[in-house]
C-alpha atoms as a PDB file:
ATOM      1  CA  MET A   1      23.849 -15.070 -67.489  1.00  0.00           C
ATOM      2  CA  PRO A   2      20.154 -13.972 -67.257  1.00  0.00           C
ATOM      3  CA  ARG A   3      19.168 -10.635 -68.413  1.00  0.00           C
ATOM      4  CA  SER A   4      18.299  -8.142 -65.667  1.00  0.00           C
ATOM      5  CA  GLY A   5      14.764  -7.623 -66.936  1.00  0.00           C
ATOM      6  CA  SER A   6      13.903 -11.380 -66.904  1.00  0.00           C
ATOM      7  CA  HIS A   7      14.452 -11.605 -63.186  1.00  0.00           C
ATOM      8  CA  LYS A   8      11.919  -8.774 -62.564  1.00  0.00           C
ATOM      9  CA  ALA A   9       9.452 -10.403 -64.951  1.00  0.00           C
ATOM     10  CA  ALA A  10       9.541 -13.754 -63.119  1.00  0.00           C
ATOM     11  CA  LYS A  11       8.782 -11.982 -59.809  1.00  0.00           C
ATOM     12  CA  ASN A  12       5.831 -10.156 -61.268  1.00  0.00           C
ATOM     13  CA  LYS A  13       4.153 -13.311 -62.714  1.00  0.00           C
ATOM     14  CA  PRO A  14       0.692 -14.175 -61.564  1.00  0.00           C
ATOM     15  CA  PRO A  15       0.368 -17.294 -59.445  1.00  0.00           C
ATOM     16  CA  LYS A  16       0.193 -20.461 -61.356  1.00  0.00           C
ATOM     17  CA  ARG A  17      -3.354 -21.723 -61.752  1.00  0.00           C
ATOM     18  CA  PRO A  18      -4.561 -25.318 -62.446  1.00  0.00           C
ATOM     19  CA  ASP A  19      -4.746 -25.819 -66.132  1.00  0.00           C
ATOM     20  CA  VAL A  20      -7.882 -27.898 -66.823  1.00  0.00           C
ATOM     21  CA  ALA A  21      -6.780 -28.870 -70.253  1.00  0.00           C
ATOM     22  CA  ALA A  22      -3.372 -30.107 -68.947  1.00  0.00           C
ATOM     23  CA  ALA A  23      -5.132 -32.050 -66.231  1.00  0.00           C
ATOM     24  CA  GLN A  24      -7.397 -33.767 -68.685  1.00  0.00           C
ATOM     25  CA  ARG A  25      -4.440 -34.527 -71.006  1.00  0.00           C
ATOM     26  CA  ALA A  26      -2.595 -36.035 -68.080  1.00  0.00           C
ATOM     27  CA  LEU A  27      -5.526 -38.163 -67.130  1.00  0.00           C
ATOM     28  CA  GLN A  28      -5.827 -39.263 -70.657  1.00  0.00           C
ATOM     29  CA  ALA A  29      -2.175 -40.147 -70.666  1.00  0.00           C
ATOM     30  CA  LEU A  30      -2.581 -42.298 -67.627  1.00  0.00           C
ATOM     31  CA  GLU A  31      -5.599 -44.011 -69.154  1.00  0.00           C
ATOM     32  CA  LEU A  32      -3.619 -44.774 -72.298  1.00  0.00           C
ATOM     33  CA  ARG A  33      -0.640 -46.124 -70.200  1.00  0.00           C
ATOM     34  CA  LEU A  34      -3.191 -48.439 -68.340  1.00  0.00           C
ATOM     35  CA  GLN A  35      -4.282 -49.718 -71.720  1.00  0.00           C
ATOM     36  CA  GLY A  36      -0.594 -50.707 -72.513  1.00  0.00           C
ATOM     37  CA  LYS A  37       0.406 -47.832 -74.805  1.00  0.00           C
ATOM     38  CA  THR A  38       4.085 -46.896 -74.875  1.00  0.00           C
ATOM     39  CA  TYR A  39       5.163 -43.425 -73.683  1.00  0.00           C
ATOM     40  CA  GLU A  40       6.066 -42.563 -77.293  1.00  0.00           C
ATOM     41  CA  GLN A  41       2.471 -43.431 -78.416  1.00  0.00           C
ATOM     42  CA  ILE A  42       1.146 -41.472 -75.411  1.00  0.00           C
ATOM     43  CA  ALA A  43       3.188 -38.436 -76.446  1.00  0.00           C
ATOM     44  CA  ASN A  44       1.906 -38.627 -79.940  1.00  0.00           C
ATOM     45  CA  ILE A  45      -1.712 -39.058 -79.051  1.00  0.00           C
ATOM     46  CA  CYS A  46      -1.775 -36.479 -76.268  1.00  0.00           C
ATOM     47  CA  GLY A  47       0.464 -33.988 -77.868  1.00  0.00           C
ATOM     48  CA  TYR A  48       3.466 -34.187 -75.521  1.00  0.00           C
ATOM     49  CA  ARG A  49       6.776 -32.953 -77.027  1.00  0.00           C
ATOM     50  CA  SER A  50       8.581 -36.204 -76.137  1.00  0.00           C
ATOM     51  CA  LYS A  51       8.111 -39.582 -74.480  1.00  0.00           C
ATOM     52  CA  SER A  52       9.704 -38.092 -71.279  1.00  0.00           C
ATOM     53  CA  GLY A  53       6.939 -35.549 -71.140  1.00  0.00           C
ATOM     54  CA  ALA A  54       4.348 -38.240 -71.409  1.00  0.00           C
ATOM     55  CA  TYR A  55       6.183 -40.330 -68.664  1.00  0.00           C
ATOM     56  CA  ASP A  56       6.338 -37.273 -66.362  1.00  0.00           C
ATOM     57  CA  ALA A  57       2.610 -36.637 -66.889  1.00  0.00           C
ATOM     58  CA  VAL A  58       1.701 -40.275 -66.145  1.00  0.00           C
ATOM     59  CA  GLN A  59       3.806 -40.319 -62.998  1.00  0.00           C
ATOM     60  CA  ARG A  60       2.388 -37.068 -61.689  1.00  0.00           C
ATOM     61  CA  GLU A  61      -1.164 -38.320 -62.308  1.00  0.00           C
ATOM     62  CA  LEU A  62      -0.407 -41.630 -60.604  1.00  0.00           C
ATOM     63  CA  GLN A  63       0.948 -39.812 -57.632  1.00  0.00           C
ATOM     64  CA  ARG A  64      -2.039 -37.530 -57.528  1.00  0.00           C
ATOM     65  CA  THR A  65      -4.596 -40.412 -57.748  1.00  0.00           C
ATOM     66  CA  LEU A  66      -2.961 -42.450 -55.137  1.00  0.00           C
ATOM     67  CA  GLN A  67      -2.650 -39.509 -52.685  1.00  0.00           C
ATOM     68  CA  GLU A  68      -6.198 -38.318 -52.796  1.00  0.00           C
ATOM     69  CA  PRO A  69      -7.780 -41.645 -51.652  1.00  0.00           C
ATOM     70  CA  ALA A  70      -5.204 -42.098 -48.914  1.00  0.00           C
ATOM     71  CA  GLU A  71      -5.941 -38.669 -47.451  1.00  0.00           C
ATOM     72  CA  HIS A  72      -9.672 -39.363 -47.606  1.00  0.00           C
ATOM     73  CA  ILE A  73      -9.262 -42.703 -45.808  1.00  0.00           C
ATOM     74  CA  ARG A  74      -6.862 -41.190 -43.219  1.00  0.00           C
ATOM     75  CA  THR A  75      -9.583 -38.459 -42.430  1.00  0.00           C
ATOM     76  CA  LEU A  76     -12.347 -41.084 -41.974  1.00  0.00           C
ATOM     77  CA  GLU A  77     -10.069 -43.149 -39.743  1.00  0.00           C
ATOM     78  CA  VAL A  78      -9.229 -40.158 -37.540  1.00  0.00           C
ATOM     79  CA  ARG A  79     -12.853 -39.302 -37.184  1.00  0.00           C
ATOM     80  CA  ARG A  80     -13.752 -42.907 -36.236  1.00  0.00           C
ATOM     81  CA  LEU A  81     -10.873 -42.918 -33.631  1.00  0.00           C
ATOM     82  CA  ASP A  82     -12.168 -39.630 -32.178  1.00  0.00           C
ATOM     83  CA  ARG A  83     -15.679 -40.986 -31.807  1.00  0.00           C
ATOM     84  CA  LEU A  84     -14.262 -44.069 -30.014  1.00  0.00           C
ATOM     85  CA  TYR A  85     -12.152 -41.986 -27.766  1.00  0.00           C
ATOM     86  CA  ASP A  86     -15.076 -39.740 -26.889  1.00  0.00           C
ATOM     87  CA  ALA A  87     -17.169 -42.811 -25.905  1.00  0.00           C
ATOM     88  CA  MET A  88     -14.356 -44.152 -23.673  1.00  0.00           C
ATOM     89  CA  GLU A  89     -13.032 -41.007 -22.146  1.00  0.00           C
ATOM     90  CA  ALA A  90     -15.911 -40.204 -19.661  1.00  0.00           C
ATOM     91  CA  ILE A  91     -15.722 -43.772 -18.251  1.00  0.00           C
ATOM     92  CA  ALA A  92     -11.977 -43.651 -18.062  1.00  0.00           C
ATOM     93  CA  LEU A  93     -11.920 -40.477 -16.046  1.00  0.00           C
ATOM     94  CA  ASN A  94     -14.475 -41.565 -13.457  1.00  0.00           C
ATOM     95  CA  GLY A  95     -11.812 -42.938 -11.149  1.00  0.00           C
ATOM     96  CA  SER A  96     -13.248 -46.369 -10.327  1.00  0.00           C
ATOM     97  CA  ALA A  97     -11.233 -49.589 -10.437  1.00  0.00           C
ATOM     98  CA  VAL A  98     -13.179 -50.585 -13.525  1.00  0.00           C
ATOM     99  CA  SER A  99     -12.107 -47.521 -15.363  1.00  0.00           C
ATOM    100  CA  THR A 100      -8.481 -48.728 -15.755  1.00  0.00           C
ATOM    101  CA  TRP A 101      -9.523 -50.811 -18.816  1.00  0.00           C
ATOM    102  CA  TYR A 102     -11.057 -47.758 -20.340  1.00  0.00           C
ATOM    103  CA  VAL A 103      -7.879 -45.778 -19.637  1.00  0.00           C
ATOM    104  CA  ASP A 104      -5.870 -48.366 -21.393  1.00  0.00           C
ATOM    105  CA  ARG A 105      -8.293 -48.305 -24.468  1.00  0.00           C
ATOM    106  CA  CYS A 106      -8.036 -44.488 -24.585  1.00  0.00           C
ATOM    107  CA  LEU A 107      -4.256 -44.688 -24.493  1.00  0.00           C
ATOM    108  CA  LYS A 108      -4.429 -47.305 -27.399  1.00  0.00           C
ATOM    109  CA  ILE A 109      -6.716 -45.062 -29.360  1.00  0.00           C
ATOM    110  CA  MET A 110      -4.359 -42.147 -28.886  1.00  0.00           C
ATOM    111  CA  GLU A 111      -1.361 -44.184 -30.015  1.00  0.00           C
ATOM    112  CA  ARG A 112      -3.175 -45.237 -33.137  1.00  0.00           C
ATOM    113  CA  ARG A 113      -4.259 -41.697 -33.847  1.00  0.00           C
ATOM    114  CA  ALA A 114      -0.753 -40.314 -33.447  1.00  0.00           C
ATOM    115  CA  SER A 115       0.654 -43.101 -35.617  1.00  0.00           C
ATOM    116  CA  LEU A 116      -1.892 -42.525 -38.410  1.00  0.00           C
ATOM    117  CA  LEU A 117      -1.104 -38.759 -38.313  1.00  0.00           C
ATOM    118  CA  GLY A 118       2.656 -39.280 -38.141  1.00  0.00           C
ATOM    119  CA  LEU A 119       2.933 -37.382 -34.838  1.00  0.00           C
ATOM    120  CA  ASP A 120       5.323 -39.808 -33.181  1.00  0.00           C
ATOM    121  CA  VAL A 121       8.944 -39.236 -34.147  1.00  0.00           C
ATOM    122  CA  LYS A 122      11.085 -42.426 -34.120  1.00  0.00           C
ATOM    123  CA  ASN A 123      14.402 -42.134 -32.593  1.00  0.00           C
ATOM    124  CA  ASP A 124      16.971 -43.385 -35.171  1.00  0.00           C
ATOM    125  CA  GLY A 125      19.801 -43.253 -32.725  1.00  0.00           C
ATOM    126  CA  ALA A 126      21.121 -39.895 -33.928  1.00  0.00           C
ATOM    127  CA  GLY A 127      22.499 -37.883 -31.050  1.00  0.00           C
ATOM    128  CA  ALA A 128      22.547 -40.930 -28.711  1.00  0.00           C
ATOM    129  CA  GLY A 129      24.915 -40.613 -25.875  1.00  0.00           C
ATOM    130  CA  LEU A 130      25.077 -36.841 -26.102  1.00  0.00           C
ATOM    131  CA  ALA A 131      24.415 -34.815 -22.996  1.00  0.00           C
ATOM    132  CA  LEU A 132      24.231 -31.152 -22.223  1.00  0.00           C
ATOM    133  CA  VAL A 133      27.150 -30.143 -20.095  1.00  0.00           C
ATOM    134  CA  SER A 134      27.229 -27.053 -17.809  1.00  0.00           C
ATOM    135  CA  VAL A 135      30.570 -25.272 -17.842  1.00  0.00           C
ATOM    136  CA  PRO A 136      31.342 -22.595 -15.270  1.00  0.00           C
ATOM    137  CA  ILE A 137      32.276 -19.285 -16.988  1.00  0.00           C
ATOM    138  CA  ALA A 138      34.187 -16.568 -15.185  1.00  0.00           C
ATOM    139  CA  ALA A 139      32.275 -13.232 -14.540  1.00  0.00           C
ATOM    140  CA  ASP A 140      34.687 -11.131 -16.660  1.00  0.00           C
ATOM    141  CA  VAL A 141      34.197 -13.498 -19.701  1.00  0.00           C
ATOM    142  CA  LEU A 142      30.414 -13.269 -19.323  1.00  0.00           C
ATOM    143  CA  GLU A 143      30.666  -9.445 -19.295  1.00  0.00           C
ATOM    144  CA  ALA A 144      32.672  -9.575 -22.523  1.00  0.00           C
ATOM    145  CA  ILE A 145      29.985 -11.711 -24.156  1.00  0.00           C
END
């Protein structure tokens, strides 16, 4: 059972700040892993307490290095799609028979953008067949509610 004072101390802790030394150590651990070193060797070289600490650091660094480029590319792609949409929108909205092709292109760009940003929710079948049913309730029951 934790001491009553320890709970208060945890609440008053300052927010966690990035530790530059830890980030450099994790990056070094990843480099060593890429060179073929074992997690035990990495722990010894980088000063981790155990091979599991080295493993965790390598996995965190891998996750971080893979996410950053993906976010950068996603941002670039969204900007490109926005520029294409802007170029097509005015023509699509002019109302001529020729504009139907441009309307289609705008819709395709919107679909791609939504897909890239994860805006479309796929229906996995959960709740299929369910419907909202209206049930009449007597006035005296409604008053009681």
